[in-house]
Amino acid sequence: MTTVVMHNVVSVDGFIADTDDQVGPVFDWYGNGDVQLNEYAKAKELTGEDRDVGVAAGDVGGQAFALGLVDEVAMDVVPVVFGSGKRYVRKQP
């Protein structure tokens, strides 16, 4: 069965980017792309039954999570404190 995993690197205080939506030097190797939610079904179809689908946290990941499309959540916590910024999962209106 295909598993959808939401993953991102997160600061110890729960942020994936600063208030300017910049990930900073610690995260330069990692980026988020724009993905349409209808691509989840296509991704699951293309991976078949024995592979996983990954989605980055943030706005898109938060939307997928709110819609119940995420099966697992994974975080790599780094020793950085942003204090404010873009959260791992954005609160949905």
N, C-alpha and C. Protein backbone atom coordinates (compact mmCIF):
# COMPACT_ATOMS: atom_id res chain seq x y z
N MET A 1 0.84 -1.17 0.00
CA MET A 1 0.00 0.00 0.00
C MET A 1 0.89 1.25 0.00
N THR A 2 0.55 2.21 -0.81
CA THR A 2 1.30 3.46 -0.89
C THR A 2 1.10 4.27 0.38
N THR A 3 2.20 4.81 0.92
CA THR A 3 2.16 5.65 2.11
C THR A 3 2.59 7.06 1.71
N VAL A 4 1.82 8.08 2.11
CA VAL A 4 2.20 9.48 1.87
C VAL A 4 2.86 9.99 3.15
N VAL A 5 4.13 10.42 3.01
CA VAL A 5 4.91 10.90 4.15
C VAL A 5 5.17 12.39 3.97
N MET A 6 4.76 13.20 4.96
CA MET A 6 5.07 14.63 4.95
C MET A 6 6.38 14.80 5.72
N HIS A 7 7.37 15.43 5.09
CA HIS A 7 8.69 15.52 5.70
C HIS A 7 9.30 16.89 5.44
N ASN A 8 10.07 17.35 6.40
CA ASN A 8 10.84 18.57 6.24
C ASN A 8 11.82 18.67 7.38
N VAL A 9 12.79 19.53 7.22
CA VAL A 9 13.71 19.88 8.28
C VAL A 9 13.05 20.98 9.09
N VAL A 10 13.14 20.90 10.41
CA VAL A 10 12.45 21.86 11.26
C VAL A 10 13.40 22.34 12.36
N SER A 11 13.27 23.62 12.71
CA SER A 11 14.07 24.16 13.82
C SER A 11 13.54 23.60 15.13
N VAL A 12 14.31 23.72 16.19
CA VAL A 12 13.87 23.19 17.47
C VAL A 12 12.61 23.88 17.99
N ASP A 13 12.33 25.09 17.48
CA ASP A 13 11.11 25.77 17.90
C ASP A 13 9.98 25.63 16.88
N GLY A 14 10.10 24.68 15.95
CA GLY A 14 8.99 24.29 15.09
C GLY A 14 8.82 25.04 13.79
N PHE A 15 9.86 25.72 13.31
CA PHE A 15 9.75 26.48 12.07
C PHE A 15 10.57 25.85 10.95
N ILE A 16 10.07 25.98 9.71
CA ILE A 16 10.81 25.50 8.54
C ILE A 16 11.41 26.64 7.74
N ALA A 17 11.05 27.89 8.10
CA ALA A 17 11.60 29.07 7.43
C ALA A 17 11.41 30.27 8.34
N ASP A 18 12.15 31.34 8.06
CA ASP A 18 12.01 32.55 8.87
C ASP A 18 10.80 33.37 8.41
N THR A 19 10.62 34.56 8.97
CA THR A 19 9.44 35.38 8.64
C THR A 19 9.42 35.86 7.20
N ASP A 20 10.59 35.85 6.54
CA ASP A 20 10.67 36.22 5.12
C ASP A 20 10.58 35.00 4.21
N ASP A 21 10.20 33.86 4.79
CA ASP A 21 10.08 32.59 4.07
C ASP A 21 11.43 32.10 3.53
N GLN A 22 12.49 32.50 4.22
CA GLN A 22 13.84 32.06 3.86
C GLN A 22 14.26 30.94 4.80
N VAL A 23 14.85 29.89 4.25
CA VAL A 23 15.23 28.76 5.07
C VAL A 23 16.60 28.92 5.72
N GLY A 24 17.37 29.87 5.26
CA GLY A 24 18.66 30.14 5.90
C GLY A 24 19.74 29.16 5.51
N PRO A 25 20.96 29.44 5.92
CA PRO A 25 22.10 28.62 5.51
C PRO A 25 22.03 27.16 5.95
N VAL A 26 21.38 26.90 7.07
CA VAL A 26 21.28 25.51 7.54
C VAL A 26 20.45 24.67 6.57
N PHE A 27 19.49 25.32 5.89
CA PHE A 27 18.57 24.61 5.02
C PHE A 27 18.84 24.81 3.53
N ASP A 28 19.97 25.37 3.16
CA ASP A 28 20.24 25.66 1.76
C ASP A 28 20.13 24.44 0.85
N TRP A 29 20.38 23.29 1.39
CA TRP A 29 20.34 22.06 0.59
C TRP A 29 18.92 21.57 0.36
N TYR A 30 17.94 22.16 1.05
CA TYR A 30 16.58 21.64 1.02
C TYR A 30 15.63 22.70 0.49
N GLY A 31 14.75 22.35 -0.42
CA GLY A 31 13.83 23.34 -0.96
C GLY A 31 12.42 22.80 -1.10
N ASN A 32 11.47 23.68 -1.13
CA ASN A 32 10.06 23.34 -1.35
C ASN A 32 9.66 23.76 -2.74
N GLY A 33 8.88 22.95 -3.41
CA GLY A 33 8.35 23.31 -4.71
C GLY A 33 6.85 23.44 -4.64
N ASP A 34 6.29 24.09 -5.62
CA ASP A 34 4.83 24.21 -5.68
C ASP A 34 4.25 22.92 -6.25
N VAL A 35 3.33 22.33 -5.53
CA VAL A 35 2.70 21.09 -5.94
C VAL A 35 1.20 21.25 -5.81
N GLN A 36 0.47 20.82 -6.79
CA GLN A 36 -0.98 20.87 -6.74
C GLN A 36 -1.50 19.65 -5.99
N LEU A 37 -2.54 19.84 -5.18
CA LEU A 37 -3.06 18.74 -4.38
C LEU A 37 -3.61 17.61 -5.24
N ASN A 38 -4.07 17.91 -6.46
CA ASN A 38 -4.58 16.83 -7.31
C ASN A 38 -3.45 15.92 -7.79
N GLU A 39 -2.21 16.33 -7.59
CA GLU A 39 -1.07 15.51 -7.98
C GLU A 39 -0.84 14.36 -7.00
N TYR A 40 -1.45 14.40 -5.82
CA TYR A 40 -1.30 13.31 -4.86
C TYR A 40 -1.83 12.01 -5.44
N ALA A 41 -3.02 12.06 -5.99
CA ALA A 41 -3.62 10.85 -6.57
C ALA A 41 -2.74 10.31 -7.68
N LYS A 42 -2.23 11.19 -8.54
CA LYS A 42 -1.36 10.77 -9.64
C LYS A 42 -0.07 10.17 -9.11
N ALA A 43 0.51 10.81 -8.09
CA ALA A 43 1.75 10.29 -7.49
C ALA A 43 1.52 8.91 -6.90
N LYS A 44 0.42 8.73 -6.20
CA LYS A 44 0.12 7.41 -5.62
C LYS A 44 -0.08 6.37 -6.73
N GLU A 45 -0.74 6.79 -7.81
CA GLU A 45 -0.96 5.88 -8.94
C GLU A 45 0.37 5.46 -9.57
N LEU A 46 1.26 6.42 -9.77
CA LEU A 46 2.54 6.14 -10.42
C LEU A 46 3.48 5.31 -9.56
N THR A 47 3.40 5.46 -8.24
CA THR A 47 4.31 4.71 -7.38
C THR A 47 3.89 3.27 -7.20
N GLY A 48 2.65 2.98 -7.44
CA GLY A 48 2.18 1.61 -7.25
C GLY A 48 1.93 1.32 -5.78
N GLU A 49 1.76 0.06 -5.49
CA GLU A 49 1.39 -0.35 -4.14
C GLU A 49 2.56 -0.46 -3.18
N ASP A 50 3.79 -0.53 -3.68
CA ASP A 50 4.91 -0.84 -2.80
C ASP A 50 5.91 0.30 -2.62
N ARG A 51 5.52 1.53 -2.95
CA ARG A 51 6.42 2.67 -2.81
C ARG A 51 5.74 3.80 -2.08
N ASP A 52 6.55 4.70 -1.51
CA ASP A 52 6.02 5.82 -0.76
C ASP A 52 6.02 7.10 -1.59
N VAL A 53 5.17 8.05 -1.20
CA VAL A 53 5.11 9.37 -1.80
C VAL A 53 5.52 10.36 -0.72
N GLY A 54 6.45 11.27 -1.04
CA GLY A 54 6.88 12.27 -0.08
C GLY A 54 6.35 13.64 -0.45
N VAL A 55 6.02 14.43 0.58
CA VAL A 55 5.57 15.80 0.38
C VAL A 55 6.23 16.67 1.44
N ALA A 56 6.66 17.85 1.03
CA ALA A 56 7.30 18.77 1.97
C ALA A 56 6.25 19.39 2.89
N ALA A 57 6.65 19.68 4.10
CA ALA A 57 5.77 20.37 5.05
C ALA A 57 5.59 21.82 4.61
N GLY A 58 4.80 22.56 5.33
CA GLY A 58 4.54 23.96 4.99
C GLY A 58 3.13 24.13 4.47
N ASP A 59 2.93 25.05 3.56
CA ASP A 59 1.58 25.34 3.05
C ASP A 59 0.95 24.13 2.36
N VAL A 60 1.67 23.54 1.41
CA VAL A 60 1.12 22.40 0.67
C VAL A 60 0.96 21.19 1.58
N GLY A 61 2.00 20.90 2.36
CA GLY A 61 1.91 19.78 3.30
C GLY A 61 0.79 19.97 4.31
N GLY A 62 0.63 21.21 4.79
CA GLY A 62 -0.45 21.50 5.74
C GLY A 62 -1.82 21.29 5.13
N GLN A 63 -1.98 21.66 3.86
CA GLN A 63 -3.25 21.44 3.17
C GLN A 63 -3.52 19.95 3.02
N ALA A 64 -2.49 19.21 2.61
CA ALA A 64 -2.64 17.76 2.45
C ALA A 64 -2.97 17.11 3.78
N PHE A 65 -2.31 17.56 4.85
CA PHE A 65 -2.56 17.03 6.19
C PHE A 65 -4.00 17.30 6.61
N ALA A 66 -4.47 18.54 6.40
CA ALA A 66 -5.84 18.92 6.77
C ALA A 66 -6.88 18.11 6.01
N LEU A 67 -6.54 17.71 4.78
CA LEU A 67 -7.47 16.93 3.96
C LEU A 67 -7.38 15.43 4.23
N GLY A 68 -6.52 15.04 5.16
CA GLY A 68 -6.38 13.62 5.49
C GLY A 68 -5.59 12.83 4.48
N LEU A 69 -4.77 13.49 3.67
CA LEU A 69 -4.00 12.81 2.63
C LEU A 69 -2.63 12.31 3.12
N VAL A 70 -2.23 12.72 4.33
CA VAL A 70 -0.92 12.35 4.86
C VAL A 70 -1.07 11.16 5.80
N ASP A 71 -0.27 10.12 5.55
CA ASP A 71 -0.30 8.93 6.40
C ASP A 71 0.71 9.00 7.54
N GLU A 72 1.86 9.61 7.28
CA GLU A 72 2.92 9.70 8.29
C GLU A 72 3.53 11.09 8.26
N VAL A 73 4.07 11.51 9.40
CA VAL A 73 4.76 12.79 9.52
C VAL A 73 6.19 12.50 9.99
N ALA A 74 7.17 13.11 9.32
CA ALA A 74 8.57 12.93 9.69
C ALA A 74 9.25 14.28 9.79
N MET A 75 10.13 14.44 10.78
CA MET A 75 10.86 15.69 10.97
C MET A 75 12.32 15.39 11.24
N ASP A 76 13.19 16.17 10.63
CA ASP A 76 14.60 16.19 10.99
C ASP A 76 14.80 17.49 11.75
N VAL A 77 15.07 17.41 13.05
CA VAL A 77 15.21 18.60 13.88
C VAL A 77 16.67 19.04 13.89
N VAL A 78 16.89 20.32 13.59
CA VAL A 78 18.24 20.87 13.57
C VAL A 78 18.39 21.86 14.72
N PRO A 79 19.61 22.04 15.23
CA PRO A 79 19.85 22.92 16.38
C PRO A 79 19.85 24.39 16.00
N VAL A 80 18.69 24.88 15.56
CA VAL A 80 18.51 26.27 15.14
C VAL A 80 17.24 26.78 15.79
N VAL A 81 17.23 28.04 16.22
CA VAL A 81 16.03 28.67 16.76
C VAL A 81 15.72 29.90 15.91
N PHE A 82 14.57 29.89 15.24
CA PHE A 82 14.15 31.03 14.44
C PHE A 82 13.37 32.04 15.28
N GLY A 83 12.60 31.59 16.25
CA GLY A 83 11.80 32.50 17.06
C GLY A 83 10.46 32.84 16.46
N SER A 84 10.40 32.94 15.14
CA SER A 84 9.14 33.17 14.43
C SER A 84 9.38 32.80 12.97
N GLY A 85 8.30 32.67 12.23
CA GLY A 85 8.44 32.34 10.81
C GLY A 85 7.36 31.41 10.33
N LYS A 86 7.72 30.57 9.37
CA LYS A 86 6.80 29.64 8.74
C LYS A 86 6.84 28.32 9.49
N ARG A 87 5.72 27.90 10.03
CA ARG A 87 5.63 26.68 10.84
C ARG A 87 5.69 25.42 9.97
N TYR A 88 6.02 24.31 10.61
CA TYR A 88 6.05 23.01 9.96
C TYR A 88 4.70 22.72 9.31
N VAL A 89 3.63 22.95 10.05
CA VAL A 89 2.27 22.81 9.51
C VAL A 89 1.56 24.13 9.74
N ARG A 90 1.13 24.75 8.65
CA ARG A 90 0.42 26.02 8.73
C ARG A 90 -1.01 25.76 9.18
N LYS A 91 -1.50 26.57 10.10
CA LYS A 91 -2.89 26.45 10.54
C LYS A 91 -3.80 26.80 9.38
N GLN A 92 -4.79 25.97 9.16
CA GLN A 92 -5.74 26.19 8.07
C GLN A 92 -6.88 27.08 8.57
N PRO A 93 -7.36 28.00 7.72
CA PRO A 93 -8.46 28.89 8.12
C PRO A 93 -9.76 28.14 8.35
